[in-house]
């Protein structure tokens, strides 16, 4: 009788094996794939299971840790998660690699792999920062991405008074604003800073501290002011619109030609100003933002929204390429967006909020997406009042506009509209297609169909 396949594979000629018995060379080939995935995730500022390399494999067993150490490039981007307890041998390896690297990158992050309470996260971050502080002065990137803002505030105790000359990227961000406490910055020097990601309250404290910040060379930077939204039940927010605007101006004034090429502000809540200012008062009291280029605002509302655009007075020269993007933003009163060629509106639910944005805007391209507030009544008003007089391109995606209103708008422009793009819109009849082709001979795309 022939032996069964099962008995053959279990014979001495076919000894059982496990992944831990793989040769170091084979493991390194596997680790190389994980390393590439981690690099891609970090490039996209994504912190997940992929970005945790080499922490994940190094934590499996001592053997895998020893193999991962064979390639020092794995450890250049030190991604230290707060979701788990860090084993002493793994932390020791991080510190040894920091010691040997000329300009390492430090990422201490919450990856949302396991739930974590504020006290646990605070304690873990405090322990990691105590070990990393002696090495942070030579970092190119310092990224602290936590669940709770209280952890960021605690971390600033360790960052305070540092001089980090090679630092190009600093991120101090959180998802839950569990404290309104000031960050502990008295001084922090980062003369080559090019990318700054920080919550609004911590940003104001950071800019107010001593020490040079921002690249003094001919290089434009990126500022991303992240969510600061304390629970209203905890009392005052401890942040006023004027404080944030003045801090943005101070950072942008690091040299004569400005520092900011891109400004993003997301989900910031403010206290009311002690005194309500009218537009002329705001123009007198608040500084002008002359050098900011592209602006992206999300979940920002008046009075800050209007105050920002009163201060926003960018140069005319590059206006045609400048973009202002508003996502879920609102103001009950119109505001003027100066010297801006491209206006983007996303997820605007109220027609009045669409109107307040476009009423005094005089640009070339209007892009509106996923906005129930951009309906026929709004477009008809734009047609009748001849708003956006030099508009040459309209891009509409998933908005409740009828073919009739769009045709009327295009016809009223008498050939000024050079491009029309509609996505997820109503179906066109043959007659409608002919009318649009005649009005815009070379620039109509309707539900992915080119009409030329």
Protein backbone atom coordinates (compact mmCIF):
# COMPACT_ATOMS: atom_id res chain seq x y z
CA UNK A 1 0.00 0.00 0.00
CA UNK A 2 1.31 3.46 -0.88
CA UNK A 3 1.81 5.84 2.08
CA UNK A 4 -0.70 8.65 2.43
CA UNK A 5 0.31 12.22 1.60
CA UNK A 6 -0.21 13.14 5.25
CA UNK A 7 2.16 10.47 6.53
CA UNK A 8 4.72 11.34 3.83
CA UNK A 9 4.84 15.05 4.79
CA UNK A 10 5.26 14.07 8.45
CA UNK A 11 8.13 11.66 7.77
CA UNK A 12 11.75 12.60 8.73
CA UNK A 13 12.37 13.50 5.06
CA UNK A 14 9.81 16.34 5.41
CA UNK A 15 10.40 17.83 8.87
CA UNK A 16 7.79 20.28 10.14
CA UNK A 17 8.83 23.95 10.11
CA UNK A 18 7.49 27.34 11.12
CA UNK A 19 8.02 30.90 9.90
CA UNK A 20 10.44 31.44 12.75
CA UNK A 21 12.73 28.84 11.24
CA UNK A 22 13.16 30.87 8.03
CA UNK A 23 16.66 32.01 7.21
CA UNK A 24 17.58 35.60 7.99
CA UNK A 25 17.96 36.34 4.28
CA UNK A 26 14.40 35.17 3.61
CA UNK A 27 13.02 37.19 6.49
CA UNK A 28 14.84 40.29 5.23
CA UNK A 29 13.23 39.87 1.81
CA UNK A 30 9.81 39.76 3.50
CA UNK A 31 10.71 42.72 5.69
CA UNK A 32 11.74 44.71 2.61
CA UNK A 33 8.16 44.55 1.33
CA UNK A 34 6.86 45.73 4.71
CA UNK A 35 9.43 48.52 4.72
CA UNK A 36 8.21 49.79 1.35
CA UNK A 37 4.59 49.77 2.55
CA UNK A 38 5.60 51.68 5.68
CA UNK A 39 7.47 54.33 3.67
CA UNK A 40 4.42 54.81 1.46
CA UNK A 41 2.11 55.17 4.48
CA UNK A 42 4.39 57.70 6.17
CA UNK A 43 4.67 59.72 2.98
CA UNK A 44 0.88 60.04 3.04
CA UNK A 45 0.86 60.85 6.80
CA UNK A 46 -1.06 57.64 7.43
CA UNK A 47 -0.55 55.81 10.71
CA UNK A 48 -1.90 52.27 10.63
CA UNK A 49 -0.67 48.68 10.79
CA UNK A 50 1.52 49.24 7.69
CA UNK A 51 3.26 52.29 9.11
CA UNK A 52 4.17 50.44 12.33
CA UNK A 53 7.10 48.72 10.65
CA UNK A 54 9.61 47.81 12.09
CA UNK A 55 7.87 48.01 15.49
CA UNK A 56 5.42 45.22 14.60
CA UNK A 57 7.93 42.60 13.49
CA UNK A 58 10.46 43.60 16.15
CA UNK A 59 7.86 42.96 18.85
CA UNK A 60 7.09 39.39 17.70
CA UNK A 61 10.20 37.78 19.13
CA UNK A 62 13.86 38.45 19.89
CA UNK A 63 14.91 36.63 16.73
CA UNK A 64 12.93 38.91 14.43
CA UNK A 65 14.19 41.96 16.30
CA UNK A 66 17.77 40.80 15.75
CA UNK A 67 17.10 40.26 12.04
CA UNK A 68 15.47 43.69 11.59
CA UNK A 69 18.51 45.35 13.16
CA UNK A 70 20.64 44.01 10.29
CA UNK A 71 19.24 46.79 8.06
CA UNK A 72 19.60 50.18 9.68
CA UNK A 73 17.38 51.87 7.06
CA UNK A 74 14.39 50.16 8.63
CA UNK A 75 14.90 52.30 11.73
CA UNK A 76 15.46 55.74 10.18
CA UNK A 77 11.75 56.51 10.53
CA UNK A 78 11.09 55.60 14.13
CA UNK A 79 7.35 54.99 14.43
CA UNK A 80 6.55 54.39 18.09
CA UNK A 81 2.88 53.56 18.74
CA UNK A 82 1.02 54.57 21.86
CA UNK A 83 -1.57 51.83 21.39
CA UNK A 84 0.66 49.17 22.97
CA UNK A 85 3.20 48.73 25.73
CA UNK A 86 6.66 49.01 24.17
CA UNK A 87 8.97 46.14 25.10
CA UNK A 88 12.32 47.27 26.57
CA UNK A 89 14.47 45.54 23.89
CA UNK A 90 12.50 47.28 21.12
CA UNK A 91 12.81 50.70 22.77
CA UNK A 92 16.51 50.10 23.37
CA UNK A 93 16.93 49.41 19.66
CA UNK A 94 15.13 52.64 18.74
CA UNK A 95 17.42 54.60 21.05
CA UNK A 96 20.55 52.93 19.70
CA UNK A 97 19.49 53.74 16.15
CA UNK A 98 18.74 57.35 17.15
CA UNK A 99 22.24 57.55 18.57
CA UNK A 100 23.78 56.41 15.29
CA UNK A 101 21.56 58.32 12.83
CA UNK A 102 22.69 61.77 11.68
CA UNK A 103 19.15 63.10 11.12
CA UNK A 104 16.42 60.66 12.20
CA UNK A 105 12.65 61.08 12.03
CA UNK A 106 10.60 60.59 15.20
CA UNK A 107 6.94 59.56 14.99
CA UNK A 108 5.11 58.92 18.27
CA UNK A 109 1.55 58.15 17.29
CA UNK A 110 -1.80 56.69 18.27
CA UNK A 111 -2.85 54.39 15.43
CA UNK A 112 -6.37 53.71 16.71
CA UNK A 113 -5.63 49.99 16.78
CA UNK A 114 -6.82 49.62 20.38
CA UNK A 115 -8.85 51.98 22.62
CA UNK A 116 -6.86 54.15 25.00
CA UNK A 117 -7.86 56.44 27.87
CA UNK A 118 -6.20 59.83 28.52
CA UNK A 119 -4.21 58.72 31.59
CA UNK A 120 -2.75 55.70 29.83
CA UNK A 121 -1.83 57.69 26.74
CA UNK A 122 -0.34 60.48 28.85
CA UNK A 123 1.80 58.02 30.78
CA UNK A 124 3.04 56.17 27.70
CA UNK A 125 3.87 59.38 25.83
CA UNK A 126 5.62 60.83 28.88
CA UNK A 127 7.79 57.73 29.18
CA UNK A 128 8.72 57.75 25.47
CA UNK A 129 9.47 61.50 25.42
CA UNK A 130 11.81 61.21 28.42
CA UNK A 131 13.88 58.70 26.46
CA UNK A 132 13.77 60.57 23.12
CA UNK A 133 14.46 64.14 24.28
CA UNK A 134 18.29 63.79 24.27
CA UNK A 135 18.10 62.87 20.56
CA UNK A 136 15.41 65.24 19.27
CA UNK A 137 17.81 68.12 18.58
CA UNK A 138 19.02 66.37 15.40
CA UNK A 139 15.65 65.26 14.00
CA UNK A 140 14.38 66.25 10.54
CA UNK A 141 10.83 65.38 11.56
CA UNK A 142 9.07 65.28 14.90
CA UNK A 143 5.52 63.93 14.69
CA UNK A 144 3.32 63.54 17.75
CA UNK A 145 -0.10 62.33 16.62
CA UNK A 146 -2.18 61.47 19.68
CA UNK A 147 -5.76 60.69 20.59
CA UNK A 148 -6.03 63.33 23.33
CA UNK A 149 -4.78 66.93 23.32
CA UNK A 150 -3.75 66.54 26.97
CA UNK A 151 -0.98 64.25 25.71
CA UNK A 152 0.26 66.99 23.36
CA UNK A 153 0.26 69.54 26.19
CA UNK A 154 2.27 67.11 28.32
CA UNK A 155 4.73 66.52 25.46
CA UNK A 156 5.42 70.25 25.13
CA UNK A 157 7.04 70.14 28.59
CA UNK A 158 9.72 67.95 27.01
CA UNK A 159 9.92 69.98 23.79
CA UNK A 160 10.24 73.34 25.55
CA UNK A 161 13.60 75.16 25.15
CA UNK A 162 14.82 72.76 22.45
CA UNK A 163 16.92 74.03 19.55
CA UNK A 164 16.29 71.74 16.55
CA UNK A 165 18.18 73.27 13.63
CA UNK A 166 17.56 70.52 11.02
CA UNK A 167 13.83 70.28 11.81
CA UNK A 168 11.77 70.59 8.62
CA UNK A 169 8.49 69.08 9.82
CA UNK A 170 6.78 69.44 13.19
CA UNK A 171 3.37 67.87 13.91
CA UNK A 172 1.57 68.20 17.25
CA UNK A 173 -1.95 66.98 16.55
CA UNK A 174 -4.77 65.21 18.36
CA UNK A 175 -8.34 64.11 17.67
CA UNK A 176 -9.99 64.86 21.04
CA UNK A 177 -9.68 68.32 22.63
CA UNK A 178 -9.93 67.11 26.22
CA UNK A 179 -8.20 70.20 27.66
CA UNK A 180 -8.04 73.95 26.98
CA UNK A 181 -4.75 74.25 28.85
CA UNK A 182 -1.92 76.26 27.25
CA UNK A 183 0.99 74.36 25.78
CA UNK A 184 4.20 74.66 27.79
CA UNK A 185 6.27 76.55 25.22
CA UNK A 186 8.53 79.31 26.48
CA UNK A 187 11.05 78.91 23.66
CA UNK A 188 11.55 76.57 20.72
CA UNK A 189 13.98 77.18 17.87
CA UNK A 190 13.49 75.57 14.46
CA UNK A 191 14.96 77.98 11.87
CA UNK A 192 14.52 75.57 8.94
CA UNK A 193 10.90 74.64 9.63
CA UNK A 194 8.95 74.09 6.40
CA UNK A 195 5.87 72.07 7.44
CA UNK A 196 3.87 72.70 10.60
CA UNK A 197 0.79 70.69 11.68
CA UNK A 198 -0.63 71.74 15.04
CA UNK A 199 -3.96 72.32 16.78
CA UNK A 200 -5.13 75.93 16.92
CA UNK A 201 -4.59 76.50 20.65
CA UNK A 202 -1.11 74.95 20.69
CA UNK A 203 -0.23 76.93 17.54
CA UNK A 204 -0.93 80.25 19.25
CA UNK A 205 1.28 79.20 22.19
CA UNK A 206 4.00 77.93 19.85
CA UNK A 207 4.22 81.15 17.85
CA UNK A 208 4.27 83.25 21.03
CA UNK A 209 7.34 81.42 22.37
CA UNK A 210 10.89 82.67 21.88
CA UNK A 211 13.21 81.40 19.16
CA UNK A 212 13.30 81.52 15.34
CA UNK A 213 10.61 79.58 13.50
CA UNK A 214 10.14 79.11 9.79
CA UNK A 215 12.55 78.83 6.94
CA UNK A 216 14.39 82.09 6.35
CA UNK A 217 15.48 80.91 2.91
CA UNK A 218 13.64 81.36 -0.36
CA UNK A 219 11.26 78.52 0.43
CA UNK A 220 7.52 78.59 1.04
CA UNK A 221 6.06 76.60 3.91
CA UNK A 222 2.87 74.71 4.69
CA UNK A 223 0.78 75.39 7.79
CA UNK A 224 -2.02 73.03 8.80
CA UNK A 225 -3.98 74.23 11.84
CA UNK A 226 -5.80 71.13 13.02
CA UNK A 227 -8.95 70.56 15.05
CA UNK A 228 -9.47 72.34 18.35
CA UNK A 229 -13.01 71.67 19.52
CA UNK A 230 -13.34 71.40 23.32
CA UNK A 231 -16.58 70.18 24.83
CA UNK A 232 -18.75 73.22 25.54
CA UNK A 233 -19.66 71.79 28.92
CA UNK A 234 -16.07 72.23 30.11
CA UNK A 235 -16.31 76.05 30.03
CA UNK A 236 -14.67 78.69 27.83
CA UNK A 237 -12.73 77.53 24.78
CA UNK A 238 -9.86 79.89 25.67
CA UNK A 239 -9.22 80.92 22.06
CA UNK A 240 -10.40 84.05 20.24
CA UNK A 241 -10.48 84.60 16.45
CA UNK A 242 -8.12 87.58 16.68
CA UNK A 243 -5.52 85.48 18.57
CA UNK A 244 -5.37 82.90 15.79
CA UNK A 245 -5.24 85.49 13.00
CA UNK A 246 -2.41 87.39 14.68
CA UNK A 247 -0.44 84.17 15.19
CA UNK A 248 -0.81 83.25 11.51
CA UNK A 249 0.39 86.72 10.54
CA UNK A 250 3.39 86.52 12.85
CA UNK A 251 4.53 83.18 11.43
CA UNK A 252 3.98 84.35 7.85
CA UNK A 253 6.11 87.43 8.56
CA UNK A 254 9.26 85.41 9.21
CA UNK A 255 10.77 87.27 6.25
CA UNK A 256 9.75 89.98 3.82
CA UNK A 257 8.33 87.74 1.09
CA UNK A 258 6.28 85.61 3.47
CA UNK A 259 6.53 82.03 4.62
CA UNK A 260 3.20 80.43 3.76
CA UNK A 261 2.39 78.88 0.41
CA UNK A 262 -0.44 76.76 1.80
CA UNK A 263 -2.71 77.35 4.79
CA UNK A 264 -5.22 74.78 6.07
CA UNK A 265 -7.54 75.35 9.04
CA UNK A 266 -9.85 72.55 10.15
CA UNK A 267 -12.59 72.41 12.77
CA UNK A 268 -11.66 75.20 15.17
CA UNK A 269 -14.05 76.51 17.82
CA UNK A 270 -13.67 80.01 19.30
CA UNK A 271 -14.81 82.08 22.23
CA UNK A 272 -16.63 85.29 21.36
CA UNK A 273 -14.47 88.40 21.24
CA UNK A 274 -14.89 90.71 24.22
CA UNK A 275 -15.95 93.44 21.79
CA UNK A 276 -17.89 92.91 18.54
CA UNK A 277 -16.04 94.65 15.70
CA UNK A 278 -17.46 95.85 12.40
CA UNK A 279 -15.56 95.33 9.13
CA UNK A 280 -13.68 98.64 9.31
CA UNK A 281 -12.57 97.94 12.88
CA UNK A 282 -11.35 94.46 11.90
CA UNK A 283 -9.38 95.93 9.00
CA UNK A 284 -7.74 98.40 11.40
CA UNK A 285 -7.06 96.02 14.29
CA UNK A 286 -6.05 92.79 12.55
CA UNK A 287 -2.98 92.45 10.33
CA UNK A 288 -3.24 91.82 6.60
CA UNK A 289 -2.20 88.40 5.29
CA UNK A 290 -0.39 89.41 2.11
CA UNK A 291 1.75 86.36 1.37
CA UNK A 292 -0.54 83.38 1.91
CA UNK A 293 -1.19 81.50 -1.31
CA UNK A 294 -3.67 78.60 -1.30
CA UNK A 295 -6.21 78.41 1.54
CA UNK A 296 -8.23 75.35 2.65
CA UNK A 297 -10.86 75.86 5.37
CA UNK A 298 -13.02 73.06 6.80
CA UNK A 299 -15.84 73.45 9.35
CA UNK A 300 -15.03 77.13 9.88
CA UNK A 301 -17.84 79.59 10.55
CA UNK A 302 -18.39 83.26 11.22
CA UNK A 303 -17.28 85.46 12.87
CA UNK A 304 -13.83 83.95 12.24
CA UNK A 305 -14.61 83.21 8.57
CA UNK A 306 -15.47 86.81 7.76
CA UNK A 307 -12.59 88.17 9.88
CA UNK A 308 -10.17 85.90 8.06
CA UNK A 309 -11.20 87.12 4.61
CA UNK A 310 -11.09 90.75 5.70
CA UNK A 311 -7.46 90.10 6.67
CA UNK A 312 -6.80 87.96 3.58
CA UNK A 313 -5.30 90.47 1.14
CA UNK A 314 -2.94 88.41 -1.05
CA UNK A 315 -0.83 89.80 -3.86
CA UNK A 316 -2.56 90.28 -7.18
CA UNK A 317 0.27 88.86 -9.33
CA UNK A 318 -0.34 85.14 -8.68
CA UNK A 319 -4.09 85.49 -8.16
CA UNK A 320 -5.19 83.49 -11.22
CA UNK A 321 -3.55 80.30 -9.88
CA UNK A 322 -4.55 80.85 -6.24
CA UNK A 323 -7.14 78.46 -4.74
CA UNK A 324 -9.50 79.03 -1.83
CA UNK A 325 -11.41 75.92 -0.74
CA UNK A 326 -14.33 75.97 1.71
CA UNK A 327 -15.73 72.72 3.10
CA UNK A 328 -18.82 72.84 5.34
CA UNK A 329 -18.14 76.52 6.07
CA UNK A 330 -20.83 79.09 6.77
CA UNK A 331 -21.40 82.81 7.16
CA UNK A 332 -24.71 84.64 7.38
CA UNK A 333 -23.17 87.75 5.82
CA UNK A 334 -21.27 88.04 2.51
CA UNK A 335 -17.48 88.32 2.55
CA UNK A 336 -15.00 89.16 -0.18
CA UNK A 337 -12.36 86.67 -1.31
CA UNK A 338 -9.69 88.87 -2.89
CA UNK A 339 -7.35 88.11 -5.78
CA UNK A 340 -8.27 84.45 -6.02
CA UNK A 341 -8.72 82.73 -9.37
CA UNK A 342 -10.16 79.42 -8.17
CA UNK A 343 -12.95 78.98 -5.60
CA UNK A 344 -13.93 75.51 -4.40
CA UNK A 345 -17.06 74.81 -2.35
CA UNK A 346 -17.59 71.37 -0.80
CA UNK A 347 -20.52 69.98 1.19
CA UNK A 348 -22.28 73.32 1.60
CA UNK A 349 -25.83 72.51 2.65
CA UNK A 350 -27.47 75.95 2.75
CA UNK A 351 -28.02 78.08 -0.34
CA UNK A 352 -27.42 81.25 1.69
CA UNK A 353 -23.92 80.04 2.60
CA UNK A 354 -23.17 79.46 -1.08
CA UNK A 355 -24.34 82.98 -1.87
CA UNK A 356 -22.28 84.65 0.86
CA UNK A 357 -19.17 82.99 -0.59
CA UNK A 358 -19.71 83.87 -4.27
CA UNK A 359 -21.45 87.26 -3.98
CA UNK A 360 -18.25 89.33 -3.89
CA UNK A 361 -15.86 86.84 -5.44
CA UNK A 362 -14.43 87.86 -8.80
CA UNK A 363 -12.52 84.83 -10.08
CA UNK A 364 -12.13 82.55 -13.08
CA UNK A 365 -13.00 79.01 -11.94
CA UNK A 366 -15.84 77.90 -9.67
CA UNK A 367 -15.84 74.29 -8.50
CA UNK A 368 -18.77 73.07 -6.40
CA UNK A 369 -19.10 69.47 -5.17
CA UNK A 370 -21.55 67.52 -3.01
CA UNK A 371 -23.38 70.72 -2.05
CA UNK A 372 -27.18 70.57 -1.68
CA UNK A 373 -27.08 74.34 -1.20
CA UNK A 374 -25.98 74.92 -4.80
CA UNK A 375 -29.45 74.61 -6.31
CA UNK A 376 -31.46 76.33 -9.03
CA UNK A 377 -32.44 79.34 -6.89
CA UNK A 378 -28.77 80.12 -6.21
CA UNK A 379 -27.67 79.70 -9.83
CA UNK A 380 -30.64 81.74 -11.08
CA UNK A 381 -29.69 84.55 -8.68
CA UNK A 382 -26.12 84.43 -9.97
CA UNK A 383 -27.52 84.73 -13.50
CA UNK A 384 -29.89 87.62 -12.77
CA UNK A 385 -27.42 89.61 -10.65
CA UNK A 386 -24.49 88.82 -12.98
CA UNK A 387 -22.34 87.58 -10.12
CA UNK A 388 -18.82 86.27 -10.81
CA UNK A 389 -18.58 88.47 -13.93
CA UNK A 390 -15.29 87.09 -15.33
CA UNK A 391 -16.04 83.42 -14.65
CA UNK A 392 -14.75 81.20 -17.46
CA UNK A 393 -15.03 77.70 -15.99
CA UNK A 394 -17.81 76.02 -13.96
CA UNK A 395 -17.29 72.55 -12.49
CA UNK A 396 -20.30 71.04 -10.70
CA UNK A 397 -20.42 67.61 -9.06
CA UNK A 398 -23.43 66.06 -7.35
CA UNK A 399 -25.43 69.26 -6.89
CA UNK A 400 -29.23 69.63 -7.41
CA UNK A 401 -29.10 71.83 -10.52
CA UNK A 402 -31.47 71.46 -13.45
CA UNK A 403 -30.42 71.48 -17.09
CA UNK A 404 -32.63 74.50 -17.63
CA UNK A 405 -30.85 76.64 -15.00
CA UNK A 406 -27.43 75.68 -16.29
CA UNK A 407 -28.39 76.48 -19.88
CA UNK A 408 -29.78 79.86 -18.80
CA UNK A 409 -26.58 80.66 -16.87
CA UNK A 410 -24.36 79.75 -19.82
CA UNK A 411 -26.52 81.69 -22.31
CA UNK A 412 -26.44 84.83 -20.11
CA UNK A 413 -22.63 84.82 -20.26
CA UNK A 414 -22.69 85.23 -24.04
CA UNK A 415 -19.67 83.06 -24.77
CA UNK A 416 -17.61 83.91 -21.67
CA UNK A 417 -17.91 80.38 -20.27
CA UNK A 418 -15.12 78.40 -21.91
CA UNK A 419 -15.46 75.16 -19.93
CA UNK A 420 -18.39 73.41 -18.27
CA UNK A 421 -18.02 70.16 -16.40
CA UNK A 422 -21.00 68.45 -14.76
CA UNK A 423 -20.75 65.17 -12.83
CA UNK A 424 -23.66 63.18 -11.38
CA UNK A 425 -26.05 65.61 -13.04
CA UNK A 426 -29.38 65.09 -14.81
CA UNK A 427 -29.50 63.43 -18.21
CA UNK A 428 -29.29 65.61 -21.32
CA UNK A 429 -31.65 65.40 -24.25
CA UNK A 430 -30.26 65.52 -27.78
CA UNK A 431 -31.53 69.10 -28.08
CA UNK A 432 -29.78 70.09 -24.82
CA UNK A 433 -26.51 68.65 -26.07
CA UNK A 434 -26.74 70.64 -29.29
CA UNK A 435 -27.46 73.89 -27.41
CA UNK A 436 -24.52 73.39 -25.05
CA UNK A 437 -22.16 72.42 -27.87
CA UNK A 438 -23.13 75.59 -29.71
CA UNK A 439 -22.65 77.77 -26.61
CA UNK A 440 -19.34 76.15 -25.52
CA UNK A 441 -17.89 74.53 -28.64
CA UNK A 442 -14.78 72.97 -27.13
CA UNK A 443 -15.29 72.58 -23.40
CA UNK A 444 -18.35 70.63 -22.22
CA UNK A 445 -18.05 67.38 -20.26
CA UNK A 446 -21.39 66.12 -18.94
CA UNK A 447 -21.51 62.96 -16.84
CA UNK A 448 -18.14 61.96 -18.35
CA UNK A 449 -19.38 62.45 -21.93
CA UNK A 450 -17.45 64.95 -24.01
CA UNK A 451 -19.79 67.07 -26.10
CA UNK A 452 -17.27 68.10 -28.74
